[in-house]
Amino acid sequence: MTRLNQFDLTFLGAAQTVTGSMYLLEVDDYKIIVDCGFFQGRRQESATLNRNIPKTARDADAMILTHAHIDHSGNIPGLVKSGFQGQIHCTATTADLCGHMLRDSARIQEHDAAWLNRKNNDDPDWKPIEPLYTEDDAIAALEKFVPHAYDTPFELNPRIKVHLVDAGHVLGSASVIIDVLVNGHSRRVVFSGDIGRRNLPILKDPVPPSHPDFVIMETTYGNREHGPVASMHEQLAKAIEETRQRGGKVIIPSFALERTQEILFALNELCSSGRIKPIPVYLDSPLAINLTEVFRKHRECFDEEAATFSNAHGDPFGFDMLRVVESAKESMALNELSEPAIIISASGMCEGGRIVHHLRNNIENHKNAVVIVGYQAQHTLGRRIVERRRQVPIFGVKRDLNARVYVLNAFSAHADKNELLWWARECGSQVRKFFLVHGDPEQSVAFAEQLDALGMKSEIPRRGTKVSLLDS
């Protein structure tokens, strides 16, 4: 085999920020993209970054997807639309989830673009908006997906072998292990993807990779600690009961993937055990409804707790008080509810979808509550709610934030700083360098200091940073 002359890593996204995950690994003239996610934040910046996919990504030979969350997968149809010809490798579960998520993303874009164009049709200065991609583009991208089982190696070319291990973050999530033959030696590059927590309900625990040389590692919560997993259900029960006593509604912005299923499982368990009184629960997210069916299909991914509950009580995601809301008309009818109820809707960061309408209609009533159960990126409506700003903008109108805000970090699917340190230590002392990504700067810097205290080398790259791994 000829001598390897190029072994480079470029950070195209999620560098010193949390969203827009995308990395490029070049092994001579063979190029691999890991993830192609939506950047989420300030509207204009997001639109610019998401519309301008780097040429190096478009020209890549293959792509590997860590998991189905939109900040990791959302721009795959845009990548394919712009000329990417390669295969997209991921777990079979991730492929099933993306089959729903990417088509849903396309439909939302088409709907929003059409609505805005109609609304501004009489404005002579209005420039019609084009969706980033259409549902047909999403379908074309899905045809390139190649599913793989965990712990089953596959070859990209004679120099490069890959296998996926369970990241424990969402159903089907994986850490990517890439073994490259470098001038007679094997070098192992690991992309952590998003690392999950140990002992969470439903999912199995994350599997740290063995003996990596270089690790591209997420640091979403690099300097924060979550509440104990055991407190998750009790915190939720407290928020529900306090809101019920005020006669209000509980509004839960929830990621359609994983967080919604965790909330449903928690509510099922709380109702079954009698720890909360019966209360109507409305699942108002067509995407979440479809993704829950994928969960039911892939019970092999469940941990012992979910399997045991399922054997004892049946469907872990269905119970008597649950009402599924599918049509827009049914969703609007929830505005007329006068009795206490729980409404679960997407998107998780409150940046689009039906949840924005529910917030508009409920956030100014002091009887109501907004329960935050997931990470909220900077400059999103969700982050402004977490910060408990006196007013928040919804559909361009400043609205008083009178509803009570509960932030339940115990529900996070991301490892906190202690769990990240455990994962890093499990990688082993032979790691040459950790590249810290997928975190706001203060989180990554704090985590780098903790690694340094353990004698582990790290670097915090910027978007566009390119490093050679050949002689590192």
Protein backbone atom coordinates (compact mmCIF):
# COMPACT_ATOMS: atom_id res chain seq x y z
CA MET A 1 0.00 0.00 0.00
CA THR A 2 1.34 3.44 -0.94
CA ARG A 3 2.49 5.86 1.71
CA LEU A 4 -0.22 8.07 3.20
CA ASN A 5 0.45 11.75 2.57
CA GLN A 6 -2.69 13.41 3.93
CA PHE A 7 -4.60 12.70 7.13
CA ASP A 8 -6.47 15.89 7.94
CA LEU A 9 -9.43 16.86 10.10
CA THR A 10 -11.50 19.98 9.41
CA PHE A 11 -14.19 21.39 11.67
CA LEU A 12 -17.04 22.63 9.47
CA GLY A 13 -19.68 23.06 12.19
CA ALA A 14 -20.52 22.74 15.90
CA ALA A 15 -17.16 24.30 16.75
CA GLN A 16 -17.46 26.68 19.71
CA THR A 17 -21.21 26.37 19.35
CA VAL A 18 -23.72 23.60 20.01
CA THR A 19 -25.56 23.14 16.72
CA GLY A 20 -24.70 22.55 13.06
CA SER A 21 -22.59 19.44 13.59
CA MET A 22 -20.32 18.72 10.58
CA TYR A 23 -16.72 17.46 10.32
CA LEU A 24 -14.47 16.42 7.45
CA LEU A 25 -11.83 13.68 7.65
CA GLU A 26 -9.48 13.44 4.65
CA VAL A 27 -7.36 10.35 4.08
CA ASP A 28 -5.35 11.27 0.97
CA ASP A 29 -7.96 11.81 -1.72
CA TYR A 30 -10.77 10.00 0.18
CA LYS A 31 -13.06 12.38 2.08
CA ILE A 32 -15.52 11.48 4.85
CA ILE A 33 -18.16 13.81 6.27
CA VAL A 34 -19.37 13.08 9.79
CA ASP A 35 -22.83 14.62 10.35
CA CYS A 36 -24.52 17.40 8.41
CA GLY A 37 -26.79 19.20 10.83
CA PHE A 38 -28.77 22.41 10.91
CA PHE A 39 -27.25 25.39 12.63
CA GLN A 40 -29.82 26.86 15.03
CA GLY A 41 -29.56 30.33 16.53
CA ARG A 42 -30.04 33.86 15.18
CA ARG A 43 -32.38 33.59 12.21
CA GLN A 44 -30.27 35.36 9.60
CA GLU A 45 -27.03 33.67 10.65
CA SER A 46 -28.76 30.29 10.64
CA ALA A 47 -30.20 30.84 7.18
CA THR A 48 -26.82 31.86 5.79
CA LEU A 49 -24.89 28.94 7.28
CA ASN A 50 -27.53 26.35 6.38
CA ARG A 51 -27.79 27.53 2.77
CA ASN A 52 -24.04 27.57 2.16
CA ILE A 53 -22.74 24.02 2.57
CA PRO A 54 -18.94 23.97 2.10
CA LYS A 55 -17.72 22.57 -1.21
CA THR A 56 -15.44 20.14 0.64
CA ALA A 57 -18.57 18.58 2.16
CA ARG A 58 -20.42 18.44 -1.15
CA ASP A 59 -17.43 16.70 -2.76
CA ALA A 60 -16.97 14.07 -0.01
CA ASP A 61 -16.93 10.37 -0.92
CA ALA A 62 -18.99 9.15 2.06
CA MET A 63 -20.87 10.38 5.07
CA ILE A 64 -21.35 8.89 8.52
CA LEU A 65 -24.26 10.07 10.67
CA THR A 66 -24.06 9.82 14.46
CA HIS A 67 -27.79 10.18 15.15
CA ALA A 68 -31.07 11.59 13.90
CA HIS A 69 -31.35 14.87 15.82
CA ILE A 70 -31.81 17.75 13.39
CA ASP A 71 -28.67 19.59 14.52
CA HIS A 72 -26.76 16.51 13.29
CA SER A 73 -28.89 15.30 10.37
CA GLY A 74 -31.08 18.20 9.28
CA ASN A 75 -29.09 19.45 6.29
CA ILE A 76 -28.45 16.05 4.67
CA PRO A 77 -31.09 16.70 1.98
CA GLY A 78 -29.42 20.04 1.31
CA LEU A 79 -26.07 18.29 1.01
CA VAL A 80 -27.44 15.78 -1.50
CA LYS A 81 -29.33 18.51 -3.38
CA SER A 82 -26.07 20.45 -3.73
CA GLY A 83 -24.25 17.53 -5.34
CA PHE A 84 -23.11 14.99 -2.75
CA GLN A 85 -23.00 11.56 -4.44
CA GLY A 86 -21.81 9.22 -1.69
CA GLN A 87 -23.52 6.81 0.67
CA ILE A 88 -24.72 7.82 4.14
CA HIS A 89 -23.81 5.30 6.85
CA CYS A 90 -25.64 5.08 10.19
CA THR A 91 -27.43 2.63 12.46
CA ALA A 92 -30.60 1.00 11.17
CA THR A 93 -32.62 2.79 13.86
CA THR A 94 -31.22 6.18 12.87
CA ALA A 95 -32.15 5.47 9.25
CA ASP A 96 -35.75 4.69 10.32
CA LEU A 97 -35.97 7.85 12.41
CA CYS A 98 -34.56 10.05 9.64
CA GLY A 99 -37.15 8.63 7.29
CA HIS A 100 -39.69 10.62 9.30
CA MET A 101 -37.59 13.55 10.53
CA LEU A 102 -36.09 14.73 7.25
CA ARG A 103 -39.39 14.57 5.38
CA ASP A 104 -41.06 16.46 8.24
CA SER A 105 -38.30 19.07 8.15
CA ALA A 106 -38.88 19.55 4.43
CA ARG A 107 -42.65 19.90 4.84
CA ILE A 108 -42.19 22.54 7.55
CA GLN A 109 -39.82 24.53 5.35
CA GLU A 110 -42.16 24.36 2.37
CA HIS A 111 -45.12 25.40 4.52
CA ASP A 112 -43.28 28.26 6.23
CA ALA A 113 -41.89 29.61 2.96
CA ALA A 114 -45.32 29.52 1.33
CA TRP A 115 -46.94 31.23 4.32
CA LEU A 116 -44.37 34.03 4.47
CA ASN A 117 -44.54 34.59 0.73
CA ARG A 118 -48.33 34.89 0.88
CA LYS A 119 -48.17 37.19 3.89
CA ASN A 120 -45.71 39.54 2.20
CA ASN A 121 -47.06 39.26 -1.33
CA ASP A 122 -48.09 42.94 -1.41
CA ASP A 123 -44.67 44.21 -0.28
CA PRO A 124 -42.77 45.39 -3.40
CA ASP A 125 -39.45 44.89 -1.58
CA TRP A 126 -40.21 41.33 -0.54
CA LYS A 127 -37.92 38.69 -2.00
CA PRO A 128 -39.70 35.32 -2.16
CA ILE A 129 -38.26 32.71 0.19
CA GLU A 130 -37.21 29.31 -1.08
CA PRO A 131 -37.13 26.33 1.31
CA LEU A 132 -33.67 24.92 1.90
CA TYR A 133 -34.99 21.70 0.42
CA THR A 134 -38.28 20.04 -0.48
CA GLU A 135 -39.81 16.74 0.53
CA ASP A 136 -38.67 15.31 -2.82
CA ASP A 137 -35.11 16.34 -1.91
CA ALA A 138 -35.46 14.57 1.44
CA ILE A 139 -36.70 11.38 -0.24
CA ALA A 140 -33.73 11.48 -2.64
CA ALA A 141 -31.35 11.82 0.31
CA LEU A 142 -32.96 8.93 2.19
CA GLU A 143 -32.23 6.65 -0.76
CA LYS A 144 -28.52 7.06 0.01
CA PHE A 145 -28.79 5.75 3.59
CA VAL A 146 -26.95 2.50 4.36
CA PRO A 147 -27.93 0.96 7.72
CA HIS A 148 -25.48 -0.88 10.00
CA ALA A 149 -25.70 -2.77 13.29
CA TYR A 150 -23.75 -1.67 16.34
CA ASP A 151 -20.30 -3.25 16.75
CA THR A 152 -20.24 -4.52 13.16
CA PRO A 153 -17.22 -3.21 11.18
CA PHE A 154 -17.62 -2.04 7.59
CA GLU A 155 -14.99 -0.88 5.10
CA LEU A 156 -15.02 2.42 3.23
CA ASN A 157 -11.84 1.65 1.32
CA PRO A 158 -8.80 -0.60 1.88
CA ARG A 159 -7.30 1.93 4.32
CA ILE A 160 -10.43 2.81 6.27
CA LYS A 161 -12.66 0.67 8.48
CA VAL A 162 -15.55 1.92 10.59
CA HIS A 163 -17.76 0.62 13.33
CA LEU A 164 -20.46 2.20 15.46
CA VAL A 165 -20.97 1.85 19.21
CA ASP A 166 -23.97 2.89 21.28
CA ALA A 167 -23.69 6.51 22.43
CA GLY A 168 -26.72 6.17 24.74
CA HIS A 169 -28.02 9.62 23.76
CA VAL A 170 -31.14 8.90 21.69
CA LEU A 171 -32.53 5.79 20.09
CA GLY A 172 -29.97 4.58 17.53
CA SER A 173 -27.31 7.14 18.45
CA ALA A 174 -23.71 6.13 17.87
CA SER A 175 -20.13 7.09 18.49
CA VAL A 176 -18.17 6.63 15.28
CA ILE A 177 -14.89 4.70 15.39
CA ILE A 178 -12.71 5.07 12.29
CA ASP A 179 -9.54 2.99 11.94
CA VAL A 180 -7.07 4.28 9.33
CA LEU A 181 -3.91 2.54 8.12
CA VAL A 182 -1.20 5.18 8.34
CA ASN A 183 2.15 4.08 6.90
CA GLY A 184 2.19 0.68 8.51
CA HIS A 185 0.35 1.68 11.67
CA SER A 186 -3.31 1.86 12.58
CA ARG A 187 -4.68 5.15 13.89
CA ARG A 188 -8.09 5.30 15.52
CA VAL A 189 -10.19 8.46 15.23
CA VAL A 190 -13.38 8.65 17.29
CA PHE A 191 -16.28 11.05 16.87
CA SER A 192 -18.24 10.89 20.10
CA GLY A 193 -21.49 12.19 18.65
CA ASP A 194 -23.70 13.31 21.51
CA ILE A 195 -22.92 11.29 24.63
CA GLY A 196 -25.84 10.12 26.73
CA ARG A 197 -26.21 9.58 30.45
CA ARG A 198 -25.92 6.36 32.35
CA ASN A 199 -29.01 4.88 34.02
CA LEU A 200 -31.51 6.88 31.97
CA PRO A 201 -34.92 5.27 31.39
CA ILE A 202 -35.52 3.54 28.04
CA LEU A 203 -31.99 3.59 26.59
CA LYS A 204 -28.95 1.47 27.26
CA ASP A 205 -25.88 3.18 28.69
CA PRO A 206 -23.25 4.82 26.46
CA VAL A 207 -20.30 2.66 25.39
CA PRO A 208 -16.93 4.46 25.53
CA PRO A 209 -14.62 3.59 22.61
CA SER A 210 -11.53 1.52 23.28
CA HIS A 211 -8.01 2.80 22.59
CA PRO A 212 -8.63 5.85 20.38
CA ASP A 213 -5.73 8.03 19.27
CA PHE A 214 -7.79 11.14 18.53
CA VAL A 215 -11.21 11.99 19.93
CA ILE A 216 -13.64 14.60 18.63
CA MET A 217 -15.78 15.02 21.74
CA GLU A 218 -18.95 16.93 22.52
CA THR A 219 -18.98 19.32 25.50
CA THR A 220 -22.59 20.54 25.63
CA TYR A 221 -22.57 20.38 29.43
CA GLY A 222 -18.82 20.56 29.97
CA ASN A 223 -19.16 22.60 33.14
CA ARG A 224 -22.62 21.74 34.43
CA GLU A 225 -24.07 19.03 36.60
CA HIS A 226 -27.54 17.61 36.13
CA GLY A 227 -29.88 16.58 38.86
CA PRO A 228 -29.81 12.89 39.66
CA VAL A 229 -31.60 10.66 37.16
CA ALA A 230 -33.65 9.25 40.02
CA SER A 231 -35.24 12.70 40.54
CA MET A 232 -36.59 13.03 36.99
CA HIS A 233 -40.07 11.74 37.58
CA GLU A 234 -40.51 13.47 40.94
CA GLN A 235 -39.54 16.87 39.48
CA LEU A 236 -42.06 16.43 36.70
CA ALA A 237 -44.77 15.35 39.14
CA LYS A 238 -44.11 18.45 41.29
CA ALA A 239 -44.42 20.81 38.31
CA ILE A 240 -47.68 19.15 37.23
CA GLU A 241 -49.31 19.15 40.66
CA GLU A 242 -48.38 22.78 41.42
CA THR A 243 -49.81 23.89 38.08
CA ARG A 244 -52.96 21.82 38.57
CA GLN A 245 -53.53 23.53 41.92
CA ARG A 246 -53.37 26.91 40.17
CA GLY A 247 -55.90 25.63 37.62
CA GLY A 248 -53.44 26.05 34.77
CA LYS A 249 -52.03 24.15 31.83
CA VAL A 250 -48.56 22.59 31.61
CA ILE A 251 -46.86 23.37 28.30
CA ILE A 252 -43.88 21.11 27.53
CA PRO A 253 -41.72 22.04 24.52
CA SER A 254 -40.15 18.72 23.68
CA PHE A 255 -37.87 17.35 21.02
CA ALA A 256 -39.93 14.93 18.97
CA LEU A 257 -37.10 12.40 19.17
CA GLU A 258 -36.32 10.82 22.54
CA ARG A 259 -37.41 13.58 24.93
CA THR A 260 -41.07 13.16 24.02
CA GLN A 261 -40.84 9.42 24.52
CA GLU A 262 -39.09 9.93 27.87
CA ILE A 263 -41.85 12.29 28.98
CA LEU A 264 -44.56 9.86 27.88
CA PHE A 265 -42.81 7.04 29.72
CA ALA A 266 -42.49 9.22 32.85
CA LEU A 267 -46.17 10.22 32.74
CA ASN A 268 -47.19 6.60 32.20
CA GLU A 269 -45.15 5.53 35.22
CA LEU A 270 -46.48 8.41 37.37
CA CYS A 271 -50.08 7.62 36.42
CA SER A 272 -49.66 3.86 36.89
CA SER A 273 -48.16 4.33 40.35
CA GLY A 274 -50.75 6.92 41.42
CA ARG A 275 -48.15 9.62 42.05
CA ILE A 276 -50.12 12.13 39.98
CA LYS A 277 -53.88 12.48 39.74
CA PRO A 278 -55.49 11.78 36.37
CA ILE A 279 -54.99 14.73 34.00
CA PRO A 280 -55.52 14.94 30.23
CA VAL A 281 -52.26 14.70 28.28
CA TYR A 282 -52.21 15.95 24.68
CA LEU A 283 -49.38 14.88 22.39
CA ASP A 284 -49.52 17.57 19.70
CA SER A 285 -46.75 16.64 17.30
CA PRO A 286 -47.37 14.49 14.22
CA LEU A 287 -43.63 13.85 14.00
CA ALA A 288 -43.40 12.68 17.62
CA ILE A 289 -46.33 10.36 17.01
CA ASN A 290 -44.51 8.76 14.07
CA LEU A 291 -41.20 8.56 15.94
CA THR A 292 -42.88 6.85 18.87
CA GLU A 293 -43.87 4.10 16.46
CA VAL A 294 -40.17 3.69 15.59
CA PHE A 295 -39.47 3.26 19.31
CA ARG A 296 -42.06 0.52 19.48
CA LYS A 297 -40.43 -1.15 16.48
CA HIS A 298 -36.92 -1.10 17.99
CA ARG A 299 -37.46 -2.49 21.47
CA GLU A 300 -34.08 -4.24 21.17
CA CYS A 301 -32.61 -0.83 22.03
CA PHE A 302 -34.48 -0.62 25.37
CA ASP A 303 -32.72 -0.99 28.69
CA GLU A 304 -33.86 -3.35 31.43
CA GLU A 305 -36.10 -0.77 33.14
CA ALA A 306 -38.14 -0.04 30.01
CA ALA A 307 -38.35 -3.73 29.11
CA THR A 308 -39.55 -4.63 32.62
CA PHE A 309 -42.17 -1.86 32.62
CA SER A 310 -43.36 -2.93 29.18
CA ASN A 311 -43.76 -6.54 30.31
CA ALA A 312 -45.74 -5.46 33.38
CA HIS A 313 -47.89 -2.66 31.96
CA GLY A 314 -47.86 -3.00 28.18
CA ASP A 315 -47.03 -0.11 25.88
CA PRO A 316 -44.59 2.19 27.76
CA PHE A 317 -45.67 5.17 25.63
CA GLY A 318 -49.45 4.80 25.86
CA PHE A 319 -51.89 5.26 28.77
CA ASP A 320 -55.55 6.10 29.39
CA MET A 321 -55.17 9.88 29.79
CA LEU A 322 -53.12 10.32 26.60
CA ARG A 323 -54.78 12.02 23.63
CA VAL A 324 -52.99 12.10 20.27
CA VAL A 325 -53.48 15.34 18.30
CA GLU A 326 -52.84 15.00 14.58
CA SER A 327 -54.63 17.69 12.60
CA ALA A 328 -54.02 21.44 12.76
CA LYS A 329 -57.71 21.90 13.58
CA GLU A 330 -57.41 19.62 16.62
CA SER A 331 -54.29 21.51 17.69
CA MET A 332 -56.05 24.88 17.51
CA ALA A 333 -58.94 23.47 19.55
CA LEU A 334 -56.54 23.09 22.50
CA ASN A 335 -56.65 26.89 22.82
CA GLU A 336 -60.18 26.52 24.18
CA LEU A 337 -59.21 24.22 27.05
CA SER A 338 -60.29 25.68 30.38
CA GLU A 339 -59.37 22.81 32.69
CA PRO A 340 -55.86 21.74 33.75
CA ALA A 341 -54.07 19.71 31.09
CA ILE A 342 -50.63 18.83 29.79
CA ILE A 343 -49.65 19.75 26.22
CA ILE A 344 -46.49 18.22 24.76
CA SER A 345 -45.41 19.69 21.45
CA ALA A 346 -42.38 20.35 19.25
CA SER A 347 -39.96 21.91 18.53
CA GLY A 348 -37.81 21.39 21.58
CA MET A 349 -36.09 24.80 21.37
CA CYS A 350 -39.40 26.57 20.58
CA GLU A 351 -38.11 27.77 17.21
CA GLY A 352 -40.94 26.42 15.07
CA GLY A 353 -43.85 24.05 14.89
CA ARG A 354 -47.02 23.90 16.96
CA ILE A 355 -45.32 24.65 20.29
CA VAL A 356 -44.88 28.30 19.28
CA HIS A 357 -48.66 28.67 18.92
CA HIS A 358 -49.24 27.06 22.33
CA LEU A 359 -46.70 29.40 23.93
CA ARG A 360 -48.33 32.41 22.28
CA ASN A 361 -51.70 31.40 23.71
CA ASN A 362 -50.57 30.40 27.22
CA ILE A 363 -47.38 32.17 28.23
CA GLU A 364 -49.05 35.35 29.54
CA ASN A 365 -51.33 33.52 32.00
CA HIS A 366 -49.79 33.23 35.46
CA LYS A 367 -51.77 30.03 36.15
CA ASN A 368 -49.90 28.16 33.42
CA ALA A 369 -46.43 26.63 33.39
CA VAL A 370 -43.74 26.04 30.80
CA VAL A 371 -41.68 22.96 31.62
CA ILE A 372 -38.28 22.93 29.91
CA VAL A 373 -36.83 19.43 29.57
CA GLY A 374 -33.97 19.89 27.09
CA TYR A 375 -31.02 22.00 26.09
CA GLN A 376 -31.85 25.45 24.70
CA ALA A 377 -29.27 26.92 22.32
CA GLN A 378 -28.29 30.58 22.51
CA HIS A 379 -30.61 33.09 20.83
CA THR A 380 -33.55 30.67 20.66
CA LEU A 381 -36.98 31.36 22.13
CA GLY A 382 -36.42 28.42 24.45
CA ARG A 383 -33.24 29.99 25.87
CA ARG A 384 -35.06 33.28 26.48
CA ILE A 385 -37.74 31.39 28.41
CA VAL A 386 -35.10 29.56 30.45
CA GLU A 387 -33.53 32.94 31.26
CA ARG A 388 -36.99 34.03 32.44
CA ARG A 389 -36.92 37.28 30.51
CA ARG A 390 -39.77 39.62 31.34
CA GLN A 391 -40.90 39.58 27.72
CA VAL A 392 -40.19 37.18 24.87
CA PRO A 393 -40.82 37.62 21.12
CA ILE A 394 -43.35 35.23 19.58
CA PHE A 395 -44.31 35.71 15.93
CA GLY A 396 -42.71 39.14 16.06
CA VAL A 397 -44.74 40.34 19.05
CA LYS A 398 -43.32 40.91 22.54
CA ARG A 399 -45.32 38.91 25.05
CA ASP A 400 -45.16 39.00 28.84
CA LEU A 401 -43.68 35.86 30.35
CA ASN A 402 -46.12 35.41 33.24
CA ALA A 403 -46.32 31.62 33.21
CA ARG A 404 -44.13 29.85 35.72
CA VAL A 405 -41.01 28.28 34.22
CA TYR A 406 -39.68 24.93 35.42
CA VAL A 407 -36.27 23.83 34.10
CA LEU A 408 -35.84 20.08 34.62
CA ASN A 409 -32.21 19.41 33.72
CA ALA A 410 -32.45 15.87 35.07
CA PHE A 411 -34.27 15.03 31.83
CA SER A 412 -31.27 15.97 29.72
CA ALA A 413 -30.12 13.27 27.30
CA HIS A 414 -26.63 14.82 27.30
CA ALA A 415 -23.97 13.70 29.74
CA ASP A 416 -23.03 16.36 32.27
CA LYS A 417 -19.44 17.27 33.15
CA ASN A 418 -18.93 14.33 35.50
CA GLU A 419 -20.34 11.85 32.99
CA LEU A 420 -18.24 13.40 30.21
CA LEU A 421 -15.12 13.03 32.37
CA TRP A 422 -15.99 9.40 33.01
CA TRP A 423 -16.34 8.82 29.26
CA ALA A 424 -13.04 10.60 28.52
CA ARG A 425 -11.15 8.62 31.16
CA GLU A 426 -12.59 5.40 29.78
CA CYS A 427 -11.03 6.25 26.41
CA GLY A 428 -7.63 5.60 27.97
CA SER A 429 -4.37 7.41 28.59
CA GLN A 430 -3.06 6.72 25.07
CA VAL A 431 -5.32 9.41 23.56
CA ARG A 432 -3.06 11.90 21.81
CA LYS A 433 -5.57 14.73 21.81
CA PHE A 434 -9.21 15.51 22.49
CA PHE A 435 -10.80 18.03 20.13
CA LEU A 436 -13.63 19.63 22.08
CA VAL A 437 -16.70 20.55 20.02
CA HIS A 438 -20.48 20.90 20.23
CA GLY A 439 -20.39 23.26 23.19
CA ASP A 440 -20.66 26.96 23.93
CA PRO A 441 -17.16 28.37 24.52
CA GLU A 442 -17.42 28.63 28.29
CA GLN A 443 -18.47 24.97 28.51
CA SER A 444 -15.64 23.74 26.28
CA VAL A 445 -12.99 25.87 28.04
CA ALA A 446 -14.05 24.63 31.46
CA PHE A 447 -13.98 21.02 30.29
CA ALA A 448 -10.54 21.51 28.72
CA GLU A 449 -9.27 22.68 32.10
CA GLN A 450 -10.64 19.55 33.72
CA LEU A 451 -8.95 17.34 31.13
CA ASP A 452 -5.70 19.26 31.64
CA ALA A 453 -5.89 18.55 35.37
CA LEU A 454 -6.01 14.84 34.47
CA GLY A 455 -2.99 15.16 32.17
CA MET A 456 -5.07 14.88 28.98
CA LYS A 457 -4.31 17.15 26.03
CA SER A 458 -7.13 19.00 24.33
CA GLU A 459 -7.85 21.68 21.75
CA ILE A 460 -10.94 23.80 21.12
CA PRO A 461 -11.13 24.37 17.36
CA ARG A 462 -13.03 27.12 15.60
CA ARG A 463 -15.26 26.63 12.57
CA GLY A 464 -12.91 26.16 9.62
CA THR A 465 -9.94 24.95 11.70
CA LYS A 466 -7.94 22.29 9.85
CA VAL A 467 -5.43 20.04 11.63
CA SER A 468 -3.11 17.32 10.37
CA LEU A 469 -3.28 14.02 12.25
CA LEU A 470 -0.43 12.52 10.22
CA ASP A 471 2.40 13.39 12.56
CA SER A 472 0.42 14.30 15.67
